[in-house]
Amino acid sequence: MKEKEHLSKENFFKCTTAKDTIFKNGDYIRFIPVNKSYGIEIKMNRTVDTLDNYSFDCDSYNGMIPKVLFKTDYIALGQGSSTNYRYLIICNLNNELGKIDVNKFETEIVENPEKEILFFKKNHNAFMLNKKKGKLFFTKLPSKFFNLKVQKFELYKNKVIIIFTQGDSLTYKLNEFDKLGNVTD
């Protein structure tokens, strides 16, 4: 069996849709060599960290290579392009621990809403991102759900069901989310 050769970053970028992103303030998302493939390094403020369990090479499915969607006080990466599942990876700076916290949210597409929509939970809110239009919407969660961890979001044509790991769930119509703003400005 032939051992894999080292893949240069230039060749990695040529054979995939991966790309480094450097923000105006110096924060970045970079693909870095890890063994004979590439992982992801993130810099937020002066903290640099790597995403665990991410390894990509020329055999990686391009839809699974994370892409920057937007940056505010956190960085949002999108992953997945199958007909049934999408993932949103939220990277927050944890100042107390001096590291970057990473949370991955799964959206299962049960009925196609004819929009590219992703969901995530941050603090006391559920967020809906209209990926194509670059618009972010939110709804405040009831207080009993503030500290619950999301298992997944199930997306239907006009509604979303938020399923929590503790077994609870919430259902919202898509038009119940209030517009927060544009994330592509």
C-alpha atoms as a PDB file:
ATOM      1  CA  MET A   1       0.000   0.000   0.000  1.00  0.00           C
ATOM      2  CA  LYS A   2       1.386   3.373  -1.052  1.00  0.00           C
ATOM      3  CA  GLU A   3       1.790   5.939   1.724  1.00  0.00           C
ATOM      4  CA  LYS A   4       0.143   9.324   1.143  1.00  0.00           C
ATOM      5  CA  GLU A   5       2.573  12.063   0.208  1.00  0.00           C
ATOM      6  CA  HIS A   6       2.593  15.498   1.808  1.00  0.00           C
ATOM      7  CA  LEU A   7       0.013  17.742   0.153  1.00  0.00           C
ATOM      8  CA  SER A   8       1.180  21.329  -0.363  1.00  0.00           C
ATOM      9  CA  LYS A   9      -1.261  24.042   0.667  1.00  0.00           C
ATOM     10  CA  GLU A  10      -1.309  25.379  -2.901  1.00  0.00           C
ATOM     11  CA  ASN A  11      -2.335  21.952  -4.241  1.00  0.00           C
ATOM     12  CA  PHE A  12      -4.860  21.517  -1.410  1.00  0.00           C
ATOM     13  CA  PHE A  13      -6.544  24.811  -2.377  1.00  0.00           C
ATOM     14  CA  LYS A  14      -6.543  23.780  -6.053  1.00  0.00           C
ATOM     15  CA  CYS A  15      -8.257  20.427  -5.435  1.00  0.00           C
ATOM     16  CA  THR A  16     -10.861  21.683  -2.913  1.00  0.00           C
ATOM     17  CA  THR A  17     -13.061  24.708  -2.206  1.00  0.00           C
ATOM     18  CA  ALA A  18     -11.060  25.480   0.960  1.00  0.00           C
ATOM     19  CA  LYS A  19      -9.664  28.960   1.440  1.00  0.00           C
ATOM     20  CA  ASP A  20      -8.115  30.988   4.230  1.00  0.00           C
ATOM     21  CA  THR A  21     -10.051  34.024   5.481  1.00  0.00           C
ATOM     22  CA  ILE A  22      -8.401  36.966   7.222  1.00  0.00           C
ATOM     23  CA  PHE A  23     -10.705  39.567   8.774  1.00  0.00           C
ATOM     24  CA  LYS A  24     -10.018  43.333   8.985  1.00  0.00           C
ATOM     25  CA  ASN A  25      -9.125  43.130  12.687  1.00  0.00           C
ATOM     26  CA  GLY A  26      -6.522  40.375  12.101  1.00  0.00           C
ATOM     27  CA  ASP A  27      -8.712  37.464  13.213  1.00  0.00           C
ATOM     28  CA  TYR A  28      -8.613  34.561  10.784  1.00  0.00           C
ATOM     29  CA  ILE A  29      -9.648  31.078   9.740  1.00  0.00           C
ATOM     30  CA  ARG A  30      -6.702  29.204   8.212  1.00  0.00           C
ATOM     31  CA  PHE A  31      -6.148  25.724   6.928  1.00  0.00           C
ATOM     32  CA  ILE A  32      -2.979  24.324   8.489  1.00  0.00           C
ATOM     33  CA  PRO A  33      -1.023  21.133   7.746  1.00  0.00           C
ATOM     34  CA  VAL A  34      -1.800  18.239  10.111  1.00  0.00           C
ATOM     35  CA  ASN A  35       0.042  15.028   9.229  1.00  0.00           C
ATOM     36  CA  LYS A  36      -0.682  14.576   5.503  1.00  0.00           C
ATOM     37  CA  SER A  37      -3.915  16.590   5.449  1.00  0.00           C
ATOM     38  CA  TYR A  38      -5.202  19.994   6.610  1.00  0.00           C
ATOM     39  CA  GLY A  39      -7.013  21.091   9.763  1.00  0.00           C
ATOM     40  CA  ILE A  40      -8.513  24.445  10.732  1.00  0.00           C
ATOM     41  CA  GLU A  41      -6.859  27.089  12.898  1.00  0.00           C
ATOM     42  CA  ILE A  42      -8.878  30.035  14.229  1.00  0.00           C
ATOM     43  CA  LYS A  43      -7.626  33.304  15.688  1.00  0.00           C
ATOM     44  CA  MET A  44     -10.016  35.510  17.682  1.00  0.00           C
ATOM     45  CA  ASN A  45      -8.527  38.563  19.396  1.00  0.00           C
ATOM     46  CA  ARG A  46      -5.139  37.202  20.436  1.00  0.00           C
ATOM     47  CA  THR A  47      -6.330  33.645  21.075  1.00  0.00           C
ATOM     48  CA  VAL A  48      -5.364  30.968  18.537  1.00  0.00           C
ATOM     49  CA  ASP A  49      -6.971  27.523  18.635  1.00  0.00           C
ATOM     50  CA  THR A  50      -7.626  24.616  16.290  1.00  0.00           C
ATOM     51  CA  LEU A  51     -10.900  22.859  15.564  1.00  0.00           C
ATOM     52  CA  ASP A  52     -10.656  19.289  16.848  1.00  0.00           C
ATOM     53  CA  ASN A  53     -11.646  16.350  14.646  1.00  0.00           C
ATOM     54  CA  TYR A  54     -11.451  18.207  11.339  1.00  0.00           C
ATOM     55  CA  SER A  55      -9.098  16.824   8.708  1.00  0.00           C
ATOM     56  CA  PHE A  56      -9.305  17.499   4.972  1.00  0.00           C
ATOM     57  CA  ASP A  57      -7.428  16.505   1.830  1.00  0.00           C
ATOM     58  CA  CYS A  58      -8.139  16.218  -1.909  1.00  0.00           C
ATOM     59  CA  ASP A  59     -10.461  13.259  -1.247  1.00  0.00           C
ATOM     60  CA  SER A  60     -12.680  15.348   1.068  1.00  0.00           C
ATOM     61  CA  TYR A  61     -16.172  16.124  -0.194  1.00  0.00           C
ATOM     62  CA  ASN A  62     -16.180  19.885  -0.866  1.00  0.00           C
ATOM     63  CA  GLY A  63     -19.568  20.342   0.806  1.00  0.00           C
ATOM     64  CA  MET A  64     -18.069  19.157   4.090  1.00  0.00           C
ATOM     65  CA  ILE A  65     -15.206  21.675   4.064  1.00  0.00           C
ATOM     66  CA  PRO A  66     -16.359  24.511   6.375  1.00  0.00           C
ATOM     67  CA  LYS A  67     -16.845  27.927   4.786  1.00  0.00           C
ATOM     68  CA  VAL A  68     -17.063  31.279   6.559  1.00  0.00           C
ATOM     69  CA  LEU A  69     -20.647  32.572   6.571  1.00  0.00           C
ATOM     70  CA  PHE A  70     -20.197  35.666   8.747  1.00  0.00           C
ATOM     71  CA  LYS A  71     -18.347  37.149  11.721  1.00  0.00           C
ATOM     72  CA  THR A  72     -19.685  39.289  14.549  1.00  0.00           C
ATOM     73  CA  ASP A  73     -18.466  38.709  18.123  1.00  0.00           C
ATOM     74  CA  TYR A  74     -18.310  35.064  17.001  1.00  0.00           C
ATOM     75  CA  ILE A  75     -17.477  33.310  13.737  1.00  0.00           C
ATOM     76  CA  ALA A  76     -20.077  31.221  11.887  1.00  0.00           C
ATOM     77  CA  LEU A  77     -18.965  28.477   9.509  1.00  0.00           C
ATOM     78  CA  GLY A  78     -21.282  26.509   7.240  1.00  0.00           C
ATOM     79  CA  GLN A  79     -20.791  22.867   6.356  1.00  0.00           C
ATOM     80  CA  GLY A  80     -22.742  20.363   4.308  1.00  0.00           C
ATOM     81  CA  SER A  81     -24.539  20.460   1.017  1.00  0.00           C
ATOM     82  CA  SER A  82     -26.523  17.247   0.935  1.00  0.00           C
ATOM     83  CA  THR A  83     -30.248  17.402   0.389  1.00  0.00           C
ATOM     84  CA  ASN A  84     -31.030  16.413   3.992  1.00  0.00           C
ATOM     85  CA  TYR A  85     -28.457  17.921   6.370  1.00  0.00           C
ATOM     86  CA  ARG A  86     -26.599  21.188   6.927  1.00  0.00           C
ATOM     87  CA  TYR A  87     -24.310  22.177   9.787  1.00  0.00           C
ATOM     88  CA  LEU A  88     -23.526  25.527  11.346  1.00  0.00           C
ATOM     89  CA  ILE A  89     -20.355  25.781  13.414  1.00  0.00           C
ATOM     90  CA  ILE A  90     -20.267  28.680  15.889  1.00  0.00           C
ATOM     91  CA  CYS A  91     -16.864  29.694  17.299  1.00  0.00           C
ATOM     92  CA  ASN A  92     -16.923  31.949  20.417  1.00  0.00           C
ATOM     93  CA  LEU A  93     -14.011  33.346  22.361  1.00  0.00           C
ATOM     94  CA  ASN A  94     -14.050  32.058  25.960  1.00  0.00           C
ATOM     95  CA  ASN A  95     -12.030  34.743  27.791  1.00  0.00           C
ATOM     96  CA  GLU A  96     -12.156  32.926  31.147  1.00  0.00           C
ATOM     97  CA  LEU A  97     -10.496  29.782  29.779  1.00  0.00           C
ATOM     98  CA  GLY A  98      -8.413  31.570  27.124  1.00  0.00           C
ATOM     99  CA  LYS A  99      -9.705  29.321  24.362  1.00  0.00           C
ATOM    100  CA  ILE A 100     -12.212  29.243  21.550  1.00  0.00           C
ATOM    101  CA  ASP A 101     -15.438  27.337  22.218  1.00  0.00           C
ATOM    102  CA  VAL A 102     -16.871  25.490  19.226  1.00  0.00           C
ATOM    103  CA  ASN A 103     -20.530  24.447  18.944  1.00  0.00           C
ATOM    104  CA  LYS A 104     -21.892  22.537  15.957  1.00  0.00           C
ATOM    105  CA  PHE A 105     -25.606  22.714  15.112  1.00  0.00           C
ATOM    106  CA  GLU A 106     -27.339  20.253  12.787  1.00  0.00           C
ATOM    107  CA  THR A 107     -30.300  21.205  10.607  1.00  0.00           C
ATOM    108  CA  GLU A 108     -32.209  18.238   9.214  1.00  0.00           C
ATOM    109  CA  ILE A 109     -34.233  19.249   6.169  1.00  0.00           C
ATOM    110  CA  VAL A 110     -37.484  17.283   6.410  1.00  0.00           C
ATOM    111  CA  GLU A 111     -39.469  19.375   3.897  1.00  0.00           C
ATOM    112  CA  ASN A 112     -37.652  21.733   1.556  1.00  0.00           C
ATOM    113  CA  PRO A 113     -38.543  25.329   2.505  1.00  0.00           C
ATOM    114  CA  GLU A 114     -37.179  26.551  -0.859  1.00  0.00           C
ATOM    115  CA  LYS A 115     -34.634  28.673   1.035  1.00  0.00           C
ATOM    116  CA  GLU A 116     -31.117  27.924   2.214  1.00  0.00           C
ATOM    117  CA  ILE A 117     -31.727  28.227   5.978  1.00  0.00           C
ATOM    118  CA  LEU A 118     -29.521  27.291   8.934  1.00  0.00           C
ATOM    119  CA  PHE A 119     -30.275  27.485  12.657  1.00  0.00           C
ATOM    120  CA  PHE A 120     -28.270  27.823  15.854  1.00  0.00           C
ATOM    121  CA  LYS A 121     -28.749  28.616  19.548  1.00  0.00           C
ATOM    122  CA  LYS A 122     -26.631  31.193  21.318  1.00  0.00           C
ATOM    123  CA  ASN A 123     -27.257  32.318  24.880  1.00  0.00           C
ATOM    124  CA  HIS A 124     -31.049  32.702  25.273  1.00  0.00           C
ATOM    125  CA  ASN A 125     -31.995  32.906  21.600  1.00  0.00           C
ATOM    126  CA  ALA A 126     -32.563  30.666  18.610  1.00  0.00           C
ATOM    127  CA  PHE A 127     -31.219  32.144  15.374  1.00  0.00           C
ATOM    128  CA  MET A 128     -32.232  31.532  11.782  1.00  0.00           C
ATOM    129  CA  LEU A 129     -29.815  32.431   8.988  1.00  0.00           C
ATOM    130  CA  ASN A 130     -31.152  32.889   5.468  1.00  0.00           C
ATOM    131  CA  LYS A 131     -27.861  31.948   3.852  1.00  0.00           C
ATOM    132  CA  LYS A 132     -28.655  33.125   0.331  1.00  0.00           C
ATOM    133  CA  LYS A 133     -29.861  36.604   1.405  1.00  0.00           C
ATOM    134  CA  GLY A 134     -27.330  36.971   4.249  1.00  0.00           C
ATOM    135  CA  LYS A 135     -30.052  37.873   6.752  1.00  0.00           C
ATOM    136  CA  LEU A 136     -30.092  36.812  10.390  1.00  0.00           C
ATOM    137  CA  PHE A 137     -33.332  36.371  12.375  1.00  0.00           C
ATOM    138  CA  PHE A 138     -33.871  35.427  16.032  1.00  0.00           C
ATOM    139  CA  THR A 139     -36.459  34.498  18.616  1.00  0.00           C
ATOM    140  CA  LYS A 140     -36.011  34.566  22.395  1.00  0.00           C
ATOM    141  CA  LEU A 141     -36.428  31.145  23.949  1.00  0.00           C
ATOM    142  CA  PRO A 142     -38.609  30.546  27.028  1.00  0.00           C
ATOM    143  CA  SER A 143     -36.466  30.676  30.192  1.00  0.00           C
ATOM    144  CA  LYS A 144     -36.755  26.927  30.901  1.00  0.00           C
ATOM    145  CA  PHE A 145     -34.798  26.320  27.635  1.00  0.00           C
ATOM    146  CA  PHE A 146     -31.942  28.776  28.297  1.00  0.00           C
ATOM    147  CA  ASN A 147     -29.466  26.165  29.549  1.00  0.00           C
ATOM    148  CA  LEU A 148     -30.576  23.208  27.424  1.00  0.00           C
ATOM    149  CA  LYS A 149     -28.324  21.857  24.692  1.00  0.00           C
ATOM    150  CA  VAL A 150     -29.742  21.538  21.177  1.00  0.00           C
ATOM    151  CA  GLN A 151     -29.619  18.075  19.627  1.00  0.00           C
ATOM    152  CA  LYS A 152     -30.814  19.250  16.204  1.00  0.00           C
ATOM    153  CA  PHE A 153     -33.176  21.504  14.306  1.00  0.00           C
ATOM    154  CA  GLU A 154     -35.783  19.870  12.039  1.00  0.00           C
ATOM    155  CA  LEU A 155     -36.729  22.169   9.168  1.00  0.00           C
ATOM    156  CA  TYR A 156     -40.107  21.873   7.479  1.00  0.00           C
ATOM    157  CA  LYS A 157     -41.583  24.038   4.724  1.00  0.00           C
ATOM    158  CA  ASN A 158     -42.922  26.747   7.086  1.00  0.00           C
ATOM    159  CA  LYS A 159     -41.701  25.735  10.546  1.00  0.00           C
ATOM    160  CA  VAL A 160     -38.744  24.490  12.561  1.00  0.00           C
ATOM    161  CA  ILE A 161     -38.744  22.066  15.484  1.00  0.00           C
ATOM    162  CA  ILE A 162     -35.897  22.561  17.954  1.00  0.00           C
ATOM    163  CA  ILE A 163     -35.073  19.248  19.626  1.00  0.00           C
ATOM    164  CA  PHE A 164     -33.013  19.391  22.809  1.00  0.00           C
ATOM    165  CA  THR A 165     -30.749  16.591  24.074  1.00  0.00           C
ATOM    166  CA  GLN A 166     -32.820  16.434  27.265  1.00  0.00           C
ATOM    167  CA  GLY A 167     -35.877  15.303  25.232  1.00  0.00           C
ATOM    168  CA  ASP A 168     -37.769  18.616  25.187  1.00  0.00           C
ATOM    169  CA  SER A 169     -38.719  20.356  21.944  1.00  0.00           C
ATOM    170  CA  LEU A 170     -40.078  23.686  20.701  1.00  0.00           C
ATOM    171  CA  THR A 171     -41.858  24.456  17.432  1.00  0.00           C
ATOM    172  CA  TYR A 172     -41.744  27.833  15.690  1.00  0.00           C
ATOM    173  CA  LYS A 173     -43.204  29.039  12.426  1.00  0.00           C
ATOM    174  CA  LEU A 174     -40.454  30.577  10.297  1.00  0.00           C
ATOM    175  CA  ASN A 175     -42.285  33.928  10.265  1.00  0.00           C
ATOM    176  CA  GLU A 176     -42.100  34.062  14.101  1.00  0.00           C
ATOM    177  CA  PHE A 177     -38.388  34.912  13.905  1.00  0.00           C
ATOM    178  CA  ASP A 178     -37.636  38.657  14.041  1.00  0.00           C
ATOM    179  CA  LYS A 179     -35.066  40.163  11.682  1.00  0.00           C
ATOM    180  CA  LEU A 180     -31.817  40.983  13.433  1.00  0.00           C
ATOM    181  CA  GLY A 181     -29.948  42.368  10.427  1.00  0.00           C
ATOM    182  CA  ASN A 182     -27.726  41.603   7.484  1.00  0.00           C
ATOM    183  CA  VAL A 183     -24.621  39.534   8.144  1.00  0.00           C
ATOM    184  CA  THR A 184     -23.007  40.173   4.766  1.00  0.00           C
ATOM    185  CA  ASP A 185     -22.590  43.962   5.130  1.00  0.00           C
END
